[in-house]
PDB file of all heavy atoms in Angstrom:
ATOM      1  N   MET A   1       0.829  -1.210   0.006  1.00  0.00           N
ATOM      2  CA  MET A   1       0.000   0.000   0.001  1.00  0.00           C
ATOM      3  C   MET A   1       0.856   1.255   0.000  1.00  0.00           C
ATOM      4  O   MET A   1       0.529   2.232  -0.677  1.00  0.00           O
ATOM      5  CB  MET A   1      -0.930   0.002   1.215  1.00  0.00           C
ATOM      6  CG  MET A   1      -2.138  -0.897   1.072  1.00  0.00           C
ATOM      7  SD  MET A   1      -3.138  -0.538  -0.416  1.00  0.00           S
ATOM      8  CE  MET A   1      -3.564   1.192  -0.156  1.00  0.00           C
ATOM      9  N   LYS A   2       1.967   1.243   0.745  1.00  0.00           N
ATOM     10  CA  LYS A   2       2.838   2.421   0.749  1.00  0.00           C
ATOM     11  C   LYS A   2       3.405   2.669  -0.651  1.00  0.00           C
ATOM     12  O   LYS A   2       3.472   3.814  -1.112  1.00  0.00           O
ATOM     13  CB  LYS A   2       3.975   2.230   1.760  1.00  0.00           C
ATOM     14  CG  LYS A   2       4.865   3.465   1.882  1.00  0.00           C
ATOM     15  CD  LYS A   2       5.909   3.320   2.974  1.00  0.00           C
ATOM     16  CE  LYS A   2       6.743   4.588   3.085  1.00  0.00           C
ATOM     17  NZ  LYS A   2       7.776   4.490   4.153  1.00  0.00           N
ATOM     18  N   SER A   3       3.788   1.579  -1.316  1.00  0.00           N
ATOM     19  CA  SER A   3       4.317   1.719  -2.681  1.00  0.00           C
ATOM     20  C   SER A   3       3.231   2.214  -3.623  1.00  0.00           C
ATOM     21  O   SER A   3       3.487   3.102  -4.455  1.00  0.00           O
ATOM     22  CB  SER A   3       4.847   0.362  -3.144  1.00  0.00           C
ATOM     23  OG  SER A   3       5.293   0.435  -4.476  1.00  0.00           O
ATOM     24  N   LEU A   4       2.020   1.698  -3.509  1.00  0.00           N
ATOM     25  CA  LEU A   4       0.929   2.103  -4.392  1.00  0.00           C
ATOM     26  C   LEU A   4       0.552   3.555  -4.154  1.00  0.00           C
ATOM     27  O   LEU A   4       0.191   4.277  -5.105  1.00  0.00           O
ATOM     28  CB  LEU A   4      -0.281   1.201  -4.192  1.00  0.00           C
ATOM     29  CG  LEU A   4      -0.151  -0.232  -4.724  1.00  0.00           C
ATOM     30  CD1 LEU A   4      -1.356  -1.058  -4.317  1.00  0.00           C
ATOM     31  CD2 LEU A   4      -0.006  -0.231  -6.242  1.00  0.00           C
ATOM     32  N   ARG A   5       0.605   4.012  -2.917  1.00  0.00           N
ATOM     33  CA  ARG A   5       0.249   5.396  -2.632  1.00  0.00           C
ATOM     34  C   ARG A   5       1.234   6.376  -3.240  1.00  0.00           C
ATOM     35  O   ARG A   5       0.887   7.530  -3.494  1.00  0.00           O
ATOM     36  CB  ARG A   5       0.127   5.605  -1.113  1.00  0.00           C
ATOM     37  CG  ARG A   5      -1.149   4.984  -0.543  1.00  0.00           C
ATOM     38  CD  ARG A   5      -1.443   5.464   0.864  1.00  0.00           C
ATOM     39  NE  ARG A   5      -2.746   4.966   1.304  1.00  0.00           N
ATOM     40  CZ  ARG A   5      -2.919   4.046   2.238  1.00  0.00           C
ATOM     41  NH1 ARG A   5      -1.858   3.539   2.863  1.00  0.00           N
ATOM     42  NH2 ARG A   5      -4.134   3.651   2.575  1.00  0.00           N
ATOM     43  N   ARG A   6       2.470   5.945  -3.457  1.00  0.00           N
ATOM     44  CA  ARG A   6       3.410   6.797  -4.167  1.00  0.00           C
ATOM     45  C   ARG A   6       3.026   6.913  -5.627  1.00  0.00           C
ATOM     46  O   ARG A   6       3.342   7.905  -6.292  1.00  0.00           O
ATOM     47  CB  ARG A   6       4.820   6.211  -4.056  1.00  0.00           C
ATOM     48  CG  ARG A   6       5.389   6.444  -2.693  1.00  0.00           C
ATOM     49  CD  ARG A   6       6.780   5.966  -2.424  1.00  0.00           C
ATOM     50  NE  ARG A   6       7.568   5.419  -3.497  1.00  0.00           N
ATOM     51  CZ  ARG A   6       8.565   4.575  -3.270  1.00  0.00           C
ATOM     52  NH1 ARG A   6       8.846   4.154  -2.050  1.00  0.00           N
ATOM     53  NH2 ARG A   6       9.296   4.126  -4.266  1.00  0.00           N
ATOM     54  N   GLU A   7       2.346   5.908  -6.159  1.00  0.00           N
ATOM     55  CA  GLU A   7       1.926   5.902  -7.570  1.00  0.00           C
ATOM     56  C   GLU A   7       0.666   6.711  -7.805  1.00  0.00           C
ATOM     57  O   GLU A   7       0.375   7.089  -8.937  1.00  0.00           O
ATOM     58  CB  GLU A   7       1.691   4.465  -8.036  1.00  0.00           C
ATOM     59  CG  GLU A   7       2.874   3.520  -7.870  1.00  0.00           C
ATOM     60  CD  GLU A   7       3.942   3.761  -8.912  1.00  0.00           C
ATOM     61  OE1 GLU A   7       3.612   4.331  -9.962  1.00  0.00           O
ATOM     62  OE2 GLU A   7       5.094   3.398  -8.669  1.00  0.00           O
ATOM     63  N   MET A   8      -0.129   6.931  -6.743  1.00  0.00           N
ATOM     64  CA  MET A   8      -1.414   7.633  -6.859  1.00  0.00           C
ATOM     65  C   MET A   8      -1.418   8.841  -5.950  1.00  0.00           C
ATOM     66  O   MET A   8      -1.189   8.709  -4.751  1.00  0.00           O
ATOM     67  CB  MET A   8      -2.572   6.717  -6.443  1.00  0.00           C
ATOM     68  CG  MET A   8      -2.675   5.413  -7.161  1.00  0.00           C
ATOM     69  SD  MET A   8      -4.127   4.468  -6.589  1.00  0.00           S
ATOM     70  CE  MET A   8      -3.633   4.037  -4.912  1.00  0.00           C
ATOM     71  N   GLN A   9      -1.689  10.004  -6.498  1.00  0.00           N
ATOM     72  CA  GLN A   9      -1.726  11.221  -5.690  1.00  0.00           C
ATOM     73  C   GLN A   9      -3.003  12.000  -5.969  1.00  0.00           C
ATOM     74  O   GLN A   9      -3.438  12.112  -7.127  1.00  0.00           O
ATOM     75  CB  GLN A   9      -0.510  12.089  -5.976  1.00  0.00           C
ATOM     76  CG  GLN A   9       0.808  11.510  -5.466  1.00  0.00           C
ATOM     77  CD  GLN A   9       0.872  11.448  -3.965  1.00  0.00           C
ATOM     78  OE1 GLN A   9       0.677  12.456  -3.290  1.00  0.00           O
ATOM     79  NE2 GLN A   9       1.142  10.269  -3.432  1.00  0.00           N
ATOM     80  N   PRO A  10      -3.648  12.543  -4.921  1.00  0.00           N
ATOM     81  CA  PRO A  10      -4.871  13.301  -5.116  1.00  0.00           C
ATOM     82  C   PRO A  10      -4.634  14.804  -5.227  1.00  0.00           C
ATOM     83  O   PRO A  10      -3.655  15.332  -4.691  1.00  0.00           O
ATOM     84  CB  PRO A  10      -5.651  12.997  -3.825  1.00  0.00           C
ATOM     85  CG  PRO A  10      -4.564  12.860  -2.786  1.00  0.00           C
ATOM     86  CD  PRO A  10      -3.360  12.276  -3.497  1.00  0.00           C
ATOM     87  N   VAL A  11      -5.528  15.470  -5.938  1.00  0.00           N
ATOM     88  CA  VAL A  11      -5.631  16.930  -5.907  1.00  0.00           C
ATOM     89  C   VAL A  11      -7.098  17.210  -5.599  1.00  0.00           C
ATOM     90  O   VAL A  11      -7.979  16.883  -6.404  1.00  0.00           O
ATOM     91  CB  VAL A  11      -5.216  17.576  -7.239  1.00  0.00           C
ATOM     92  CG1 VAL A  11      -5.450  19.096  -7.194  1.00  0.00           C
ATOM     93  CG2 VAL A  11      -3.764  17.279  -7.555  1.00  0.00           C
ATOM     94  N   PHE A  12      -7.357  17.821  -4.439  1.00  0.00           N
ATOM     95  CA  PHE A  12      -8.732  17.958  -3.961  1.00  0.00           C
ATOM     96  C   PHE A  12      -9.343  19.294  -4.355  1.00  0.00           C
ATOM     97  O   PHE A  12      -8.691  20.191  -4.882  1.00  0.00           O
ATOM     98  CB  PHE A  12      -8.790  17.780  -2.447  1.00  0.00           C
ATOM     99  CG  PHE A  12      -8.452  16.380  -1.988  1.00  0.00           C
ATOM    100  CD1 PHE A  12      -7.331  16.146  -1.210  1.00  0.00           C
ATOM    101  CD2 PHE A  12      -9.250  15.305  -2.363  1.00  0.00           C
ATOM    102  CE1 PHE A  12      -7.037  14.862  -0.796  1.00  0.00           C
ATOM    103  CE2 PHE A  12      -8.958  14.021  -1.947  1.00  0.00           C
ATOM    104  CZ  PHE A  12      -7.842  13.795  -1.154  1.00  0.00           C
ATOM    105  N   GLN A  13     -10.625  19.424  -4.045  1.00  0.00           N
ATOM    106  CA  GLN A  13     -11.435  20.559  -4.489  1.00  0.00           C
ATOM    107  C   GLN A  13     -10.998  21.885  -3.871  1.00  0.00           C
ATOM    108  O   GLN A  13     -10.846  22.873  -4.571  1.00  0.00           O
ATOM    109  CB  GLN A  13     -12.910  20.286  -4.135  1.00  0.00           C
ATOM    110  CG  GLN A  13     -13.835  21.443  -4.445  1.00  0.00           C
ATOM    111  CD  GLN A  13     -15.282  21.113  -4.111  1.00  0.00           C
ATOM    112  OE1 GLN A  13     -15.595  20.020  -3.650  1.00  0.00           O
ATOM    113  NE2 GLN A  13     -16.178  22.037  -4.338  1.00  0.00           N
ATOM    114  N   ASP A  14     -10.809  21.902  -2.576  1.00  0.00           N
ATOM    115  CA  ASP A  14     -10.530  23.146  -1.866  1.00  0.00           C
ATOM    116  C   ASP A  14      -9.034  23.357  -1.757  1.00  0.00           C
ATOM    117  O   ASP A  14      -8.358  22.678  -0.958  1.00  0.00           O
ATOM    118  CB  ASP A  14     -11.171  23.105  -0.461  1.00  0.00           C
ATOM    119  CG  ASP A  14     -11.070  24.461   0.252  1.00  0.00           C
ATOM    120  OD1 ASP A  14     -10.193  25.264  -0.111  1.00  0.00           O
ATOM    121  OD2 ASP A  14     -11.862  24.688   1.175  1.00  0.00           O
ATOM    122  N   PRO A  15      -8.453  24.267  -2.512  1.00  0.00           N
ATOM    123  CA  PRO A  15      -7.001  24.413  -2.527  1.00  0.00           C
ATOM    124  C   PRO A  15      -6.446  25.001  -1.237  1.00  0.00           C
ATOM    125  O   PRO A  15      -5.247  24.903  -0.988  1.00  0.00           O
ATOM    126  CB  PRO A  15      -6.744  25.369  -3.704  1.00  0.00           C
ATOM    127  CG  PRO A  15      -8.007  26.148  -3.852  1.00  0.00           C
ATOM    128  CD  PRO A  15      -9.101  25.209  -3.449  1.00  0.00           C
ATOM    129  N   PHE A  16      -7.303  25.603  -0.396  1.00  0.00           N
ATOM    130  CA  PHE A  16      -6.818  26.147   0.875  1.00  0.00           C
ATOM    131  C   PHE A  16      -6.861  25.102   1.976  1.00  0.00           C
ATOM    132  O   PHE A  16      -5.907  24.918   2.725  1.00  0.00           O
ATOM    133  CB  PHE A  16      -7.621  27.371   1.277  1.00  0.00           C
ATOM    134  CG  PHE A  16      -7.017  28.117   2.448  1.00  0.00           C
ATOM    135  CD1 PHE A  16      -5.815  28.789   2.316  1.00  0.00           C
ATOM    136  CD2 PHE A  16      -7.648  28.126   3.685  1.00  0.00           C
ATOM    137  CE1 PHE A  16      -5.251  29.450   3.395  1.00  0.00           C
ATOM    138  CE2 PHE A  16      -7.088  28.771   4.775  1.00  0.00           C
ATOM    139  CZ  PHE A  16      -5.877  29.465   4.619  1.00  0.00           C
ATOM    140  N   ALA A  17      -7.967  24.363   2.059  1.00  0.00           N
ATOM    141  CA  ALA A  17      -8.097  23.336   3.100  1.00  0.00           C
ATOM    142  C   ALA A  17      -7.075  22.223   2.932  1.00  0.00           C
ATOM    143  O   ALA A  17      -6.694  21.566   3.907  1.00  0.00           O
ATOM    144  CB  ALA A  17      -9.517  22.752   3.081  1.00  0.00           C
ATOM    145  N   ALA A  18      -6.604  22.018   1.696  1.00  0.00           N
ATOM    146  CA  ALA A  18      -5.650  20.929   1.440  1.00  0.00           C
ATOM    147  C   ALA A  18      -4.233  21.287   1.855  1.00  0.00           C
ATOM    148  O   ALA A  18      -3.354  20.411   1.872  1.00  0.00           O
ATOM    149  CB  ALA A  18      -5.673  20.561  -0.041  1.00  0.00           C
ATOM    150  N   LEU A  19      -3.985  22.556   2.204  1.00  0.00           N
ATOM    151  CA  LEU A  19      -2.642  22.992   2.563  1.00  0.00           C
ATOM    152  C   LEU A  19      -2.592  23.364   4.049  1.00  0.00           C
ATOM    153  O   LEU A  19      -3.476  24.070   4.538  1.00  0.00           O
ATOM    154  CB  LEU A  19      -2.227  24.219   1.724  1.00  0.00           C
ATOM    155  CG  LEU A  19      -2.192  24.007   0.207  1.00  0.00           C
ATOM    156  CD1 LEU A  19      -1.922  25.339  -0.491  1.00  0.00           C
ATOM    157  CD2 LEU A  19      -1.153  22.974  -0.191  1.00  0.00           C
ATOM    158  N   ASN A  20      -1.563  22.907   4.734  1.00  0.00           N
ATOM    159  CA  ASN A  20      -1.388  23.249   6.148  1.00  0.00           C
ATOM    160  C   ASN A  20      -1.024  24.713   6.265  1.00  0.00           C
ATOM    161  O   ASN A  20       0.030  25.144   5.777  1.00  0.00           O
ATOM    162  CB  ASN A  20      -0.277  22.380   6.755  1.00  0.00           C
ATOM    163  CG  ASN A  20      -0.154  22.560   8.261  1.00  0.00           C
ATOM    164  OD1 ASN A  20      -0.435  23.604   8.815  1.00  0.00           O
ATOM    165  ND2 ASN A  20       0.282  21.501   8.937  1.00  0.00           N
ATOM    166  N   PRO A  21      -1.880  25.527   6.908  1.00  0.00           N
ATOM    167  CA  PRO A  21      -1.628  26.984   6.941  1.00  0.00           C
ATOM    168  C   PRO A  21      -0.389  27.370   7.731  1.00  0.00           C
ATOM    169  O   PRO A  21       0.128  28.466   7.574  1.00  0.00           O
ATOM    170  CB  PRO A  21      -2.907  27.544   7.590  1.00  0.00           C
ATOM    171  CG  PRO A  21      -3.446  26.402   8.413  1.00  0.00           C
ATOM    172  CD  PRO A  21      -3.132  25.153   7.631  1.00  0.00           C
ATOM    173  N   ARG A  22       0.118  26.453   8.578  1.00  0.00           N
ATOM    174  CA  ARG A  22       1.280  26.761   9.401  1.00  0.00           C
ATOM    175  C   ARG A  22       2.597  26.442   8.680  1.00  0.00           C
ATOM    176  O   ARG A  22       3.663  26.801   9.166  1.00  0.00           O
ATOM    177  CB  ARG A  22       1.216  25.992  10.722  1.00  0.00           C
ATOM    178  CG  ARG A  22       0.047  26.377  11.597  1.00  0.00           C
ATOM    179  CD  ARG A  22       0.091  25.606  12.926  1.00  0.00           C
ATOM    180  NE  ARG A  22      -1.000  25.997  13.797  1.00  0.00           N
ATOM    181  CZ  ARG A  22      -2.205  25.438  13.790  1.00  0.00           C
ATOM    182  NH1 ARG A  22      -2.442  24.448  12.926  1.00  0.00           N
ATOM    183  NH2 ARG A  22      -3.144  25.839  14.601  1.00  0.00           N
ATOM    184  N   MET A  23       2.497  25.731   7.567  1.00  0.00           N
ATOM    185  CA  MET A  23       3.708  25.315   6.860  1.00  0.00           C
ATOM    186  C   MET A  23       4.030  26.261   5.707  1.00  0.00           C
ATOM    187  O   MET A  23       3.122  26.778   5.050  1.00  0.00           O
ATOM    188  CB  MET A  23       3.540  23.888   6.313  1.00  0.00           C
ATOM    189  CG  MET A  23       3.441  22.817   7.396  1.00  0.00           C
ATOM    190  SD  MET A  23       3.083  21.174   6.712  1.00  0.00           S
ATOM    191  CE  MET A  23       4.650  20.821   5.850  1.00  0.00           C
ATOM    192  N   LYS A  24       5.310  26.469   5.488  1.00  0.00           N
ATOM    193  CA  LYS A  24       5.739  27.209   4.317  1.00  0.00           C
ATOM    194  C   LYS A  24       5.650  26.300   3.080  1.00  0.00           C
ATOM    195  O   LYS A  24       5.652  25.086   3.186  1.00  0.00           O
ATOM    196  CB  LYS A  24       7.169  27.725   4.484  1.00  0.00           C
ATOM    197  CG  LYS A  24       7.295  28.813   5.546  1.00  0.00           C
ATOM    198  CD  LYS A  24       8.724  29.325   5.636  1.00  0.00           C
ATOM    199  CE  LYS A  24       8.841  30.441   6.673  1.00  0.00           C
ATOM    200  NZ  LYS A  24      10.232  30.940   6.779  1.00  0.00           N
ATOM    201  N   VAL A  25       5.592  26.922   1.918  1.00  0.00           N
ATOM    202  CA  VAL A  25       5.442  26.157   0.677  1.00  0.00           C
ATOM    203  C   VAL A  25       6.594  25.169   0.508  1.00  0.00           C
ATOM    204  O   VAL A  25       6.385  24.038   0.062  1.00  0.00           O
ATOM    205  CB  VAL A  25       5.347  27.118  -0.526  1.00  0.00           C
ATOM    206  CG1 VAL A  25       5.439  26.348  -1.834  1.00  0.00           C
ATOM    207  CG2 VAL A  25       4.026  27.894  -0.456  1.00  0.00           C
ATOM    208  N   LEU A  26       7.801  25.565   0.874  1.00  0.00           N
ATOM    209  CA  LEU A  26       8.954  24.646   0.789  1.00  0.00           C
ATOM    210  C   LEU A  26       8.677  23.353   1.558  1.00  0.00           C
ATOM    211  O   LEU A  26       8.929  22.246   1.053  1.00  0.00           O
ATOM    212  CB  LEU A  26      10.218  25.311   1.310  1.00  0.00           C
ATOM    213  CG  LEU A  26      11.453  24.423   1.391  1.00  0.00           C
ATOM    214  CD1 LEU A  26      11.867  23.937   0.005  1.00  0.00           C
ATOM    215  CD2 LEU A  26      12.611  25.190   2.052  1.00  0.00           C
ATOM    216  N   ASP A  27       8.149  23.491   2.765  1.00  0.00           N
ATOM    217  CA  ASP A  27       7.896  22.301   3.599  1.00  0.00           C
ATOM    218  C   ASP A  27       6.724  21.496   3.056  1.00  0.00           C
ATOM    219  O   ASP A  27       6.714  20.263   3.137  1.00  0.00           O
ATOM    220  CB  ASP A  27       7.609  22.729   5.034  1.00  0.00           C
ATOM    221  CG  ASP A  27       8.789  23.467   5.650  1.00  0.00           C
ATOM    222  OD1 ASP A  27       9.932  23.010   5.441  1.00  0.00           O
ATOM    223  OD2 ASP A  27       8.573  24.508   6.314  1.00  0.00           O
ATOM    224  N   ILE A  28       5.720  22.177   2.499  1.00  0.00           N
ATOM    225  CA  ILE A  28       4.570  21.491   1.926  1.00  0.00           C
ATOM    226  C   ILE A  28       4.980  20.616   0.748  1.00  0.00           C
ATOM    227  O   ILE A  28       4.583  19.449   0.645  1.00  0.00           O
ATOM    228  CB  ILE A  28       3.505  22.514   1.476  1.00  0.00           C
ATOM    229  CG1 ILE A  28       2.835  23.153   2.719  1.00  0.00           C
ATOM    230  CG2 ILE A  28       2.452  21.876   0.579  1.00  0.00           C
ATOM    231  CD1 ILE A  28       1.960  24.350   2.378  1.00  0.00           C
ATOM    232  N   ILE A  29       5.784  21.162  -0.117  1.00  0.00           N
ATOM    233  CA  ILE A  29       6.161  20.432  -1.335  1.00  0.00           C
ATOM    234  C   ILE A  29       7.152  19.301  -1.033  1.00  0.00           C
ATOM    235  O   ILE A  29       7.107  18.234  -1.664  1.00  0.00           O
ATOM    236  CB  ILE A  29       6.738  21.398  -2.374  1.00  0.00           C
ATOM    237  CG1 ILE A  29       5.626  22.327  -2.893  1.00  0.00           C
ATOM    238  CG2 ILE A  29       7.359  20.630  -3.572  1.00  0.00           C
ATOM    239  CD1 ILE A  29       6.084  23.354  -3.885  1.00  0.00           C
ATOM    240  N   THR A  30       8.047  19.500  -0.052  1.00  0.00           N
ATOM    241  CA  THR A  30       9.044  18.470   0.241  1.00  0.00           C
ATOM    242  C   THR A  30       8.530  17.429   1.234  1.00  0.00           C
ATOM    243  O   THR A  30       9.205  16.404   1.426  1.00  0.00           O
ATOM    244  CB  THR A  30      10.335  19.118   0.798  1.00  0.00           C
ATOM    245  OG1 THR A  30      10.022  19.866   1.996  1.00  0.00           O
ATOM    246  CG2 THR A  30      10.963  20.047  -0.223  1.00  0.00           C
ATOM    247  N   GLU A  31       7.374  17.661   1.846  1.00  0.00           N
ATOM    248  CA  GLU A  31       6.842  16.684   2.816  1.00  0.00           C
ATOM    249  C   GLU A  31       6.690  15.277   2.248  1.00  0.00           C
ATOM    250  O   GLU A  31       7.020  14.289   2.918  1.00  0.00           O
ATOM    251  CB  GLU A  31       5.504  17.187   3.364  1.00  0.00           C
ATOM    252  CG  GLU A  31       4.926  16.322   4.465  1.00  0.00           C
ATOM    253  CD  GLU A  31       3.616  16.860   4.992  1.00  0.00           C
ATOM    254  OE1 GLU A  31       2.834  17.449   4.188  1.00  0.00           O
ATOM    255  OE2 GLU A  31       3.339  16.697   6.191  1.00  0.00           O
ATOM    256  N   PRO A  32       6.176  15.095   1.003  1.00  0.00           N
ATOM    257  CA  PRO A  32       6.079  13.720   0.484  1.00  0.00           C
ATOM    258  C   PRO A  32       7.408  12.999   0.427  1.00  0.00           C
ATOM    259  O   PRO A  32       7.467  11.776   0.644  1.00  0.00           O
ATOM    260  CB  PRO A  32       5.502  13.936  -0.929  1.00  0.00           C
ATOM    261  CG  PRO A  32       4.774  15.223  -0.864  1.00  0.00           C
ATOM    262  CD  PRO A  32       5.595  16.082   0.073  1.00  0.00           C
ATOM    263  N   TRP A  33       8.510  13.692   0.137  1.00  0.00           N
ATOM    264  CA  TRP A  33       9.816  13.051   0.095  1.00  0.00           C
ATOM    265  C   TRP A  33      10.230  12.580   1.493  1.00  0.00           C
ATOM    266  O   TRP A  33      10.824  11.515   1.644  1.00  0.00           O
ATOM    267  CB  TRP A  33      10.864  14.009  -0.472  1.00  0.00           C
ATOM    268  CG  TRP A  33      10.625  14.343  -1.915  1.00  0.00           C
ATOM    269  CD1 TRP A  33      10.193  13.497  -2.887  1.00  0.00           C
ATOM    270  CD2 TRP A  33      10.793  15.622  -2.550  1.00  0.00           C
ATOM    271  NE1 TRP A  33      10.083  14.163  -4.083  1.00  0.00           N
ATOM    272  CE2 TRP A  33      10.442  15.460  -3.898  1.00  0.00           C
ATOM    273  CE3 TRP A  33      11.199  16.855  -2.096  1.00  0.00           C
ATOM    274  CZ2 TRP A  33      10.492  16.506  -4.810  1.00  0.00           C
ATOM    275  CZ3 TRP A  33      11.263  17.918  -3.001  1.00  0.00           C
ATOM    276  CH2 TRP A  33      10.915  17.732  -4.345  1.00  0.00           C
ATOM    277  N   ALA A  34       9.914  13.385   2.505  1.00  0.00           N
ATOM    278  CA  ALA A  34      10.247  12.985   3.866  1.00  0.00           C
ATOM    279  C   ALA A  34       9.422  11.777   4.306  1.00  0.00           C
ATOM    280  O   ALA A  34       9.941  10.832   4.904  1.00  0.00           O
ATOM    281  CB  ALA A  34       9.998  14.163   4.816  1.00  0.00           C
ATOM    282  N   ILE A  35       8.127  11.763   3.982  1.00  0.00           N
ATOM    283  CA  ILE A  35       7.244  10.668   4.389  1.00  0.00           C
ATOM    284  C   ILE A  35       7.660   9.358   3.730  1.00  0.00           C
ATOM    285  O   ILE A  35       7.655   8.301   4.371  1.00  0.00           O
ATOM    286  CB  ILE A  35       5.779  11.004   4.035  1.00  0.00           C
ATOM    287  CG1 ILE A  35       5.285  12.154   4.916  1.00  0.00           C
ATOM    288  CG2 ILE A  35       4.867   9.774   4.192  1.00  0.00           C
ATOM    289  CD1 ILE A  35       3.939  12.702   4.521  1.00  0.00           C
ATOM    290  N   HIS A  36       8.024   9.423   2.468  1.00  0.00           N
ATOM    291  CA  HIS A  36       8.311   8.207   1.721  1.00  0.00           C
ATOM    292  C   HIS A  36       9.801   7.867   1.641  1.00  0.00           C
ATOM    293  O   HIS A  36      10.200   6.991   0.889  1.00  0.00           O
ATOM    294  CB  HIS A  36       7.717   8.299   0.313  1.00  0.00           C
ATOM    295  CG  HIS A  36       6.233   8.226   0.290  1.00  0.00           C
ATOM    296  ND1 HIS A  36       5.542   7.039   0.248  1.00  0.00           N
ATOM    297  CD2 HIS A  36       5.289   9.211   0.356  1.00  0.00           C
ATOM    298  CE1 HIS A  36       4.243   7.277   0.266  1.00  0.00           C
ATOM    299  NE2 HIS A  36       4.061   8.583   0.330  1.00  0.00           N
ATOM    300  N   GLY A  37      10.598   8.584   2.433  1.00  0.00           N
ATOM    301  CA  GLY A  37      12.004   8.258   2.486  1.00  0.00           C
ATOM    302  C   GLY A  37      12.770   8.589   1.227  1.00  0.00           C
ATOM    303  O   GLY A  37      13.792   7.976   0.930  1.00  0.00           O
TER     304      GLY A  37
END
């Protein structure tokens, strides 16, 4: 499942709710690399 989730990524309806308001854009974009090693 972890491998498959790297193959499938969502883009949701509300572009504000999908982003952590406390994080900078750099951290938001690089977060998937940290999660998946």
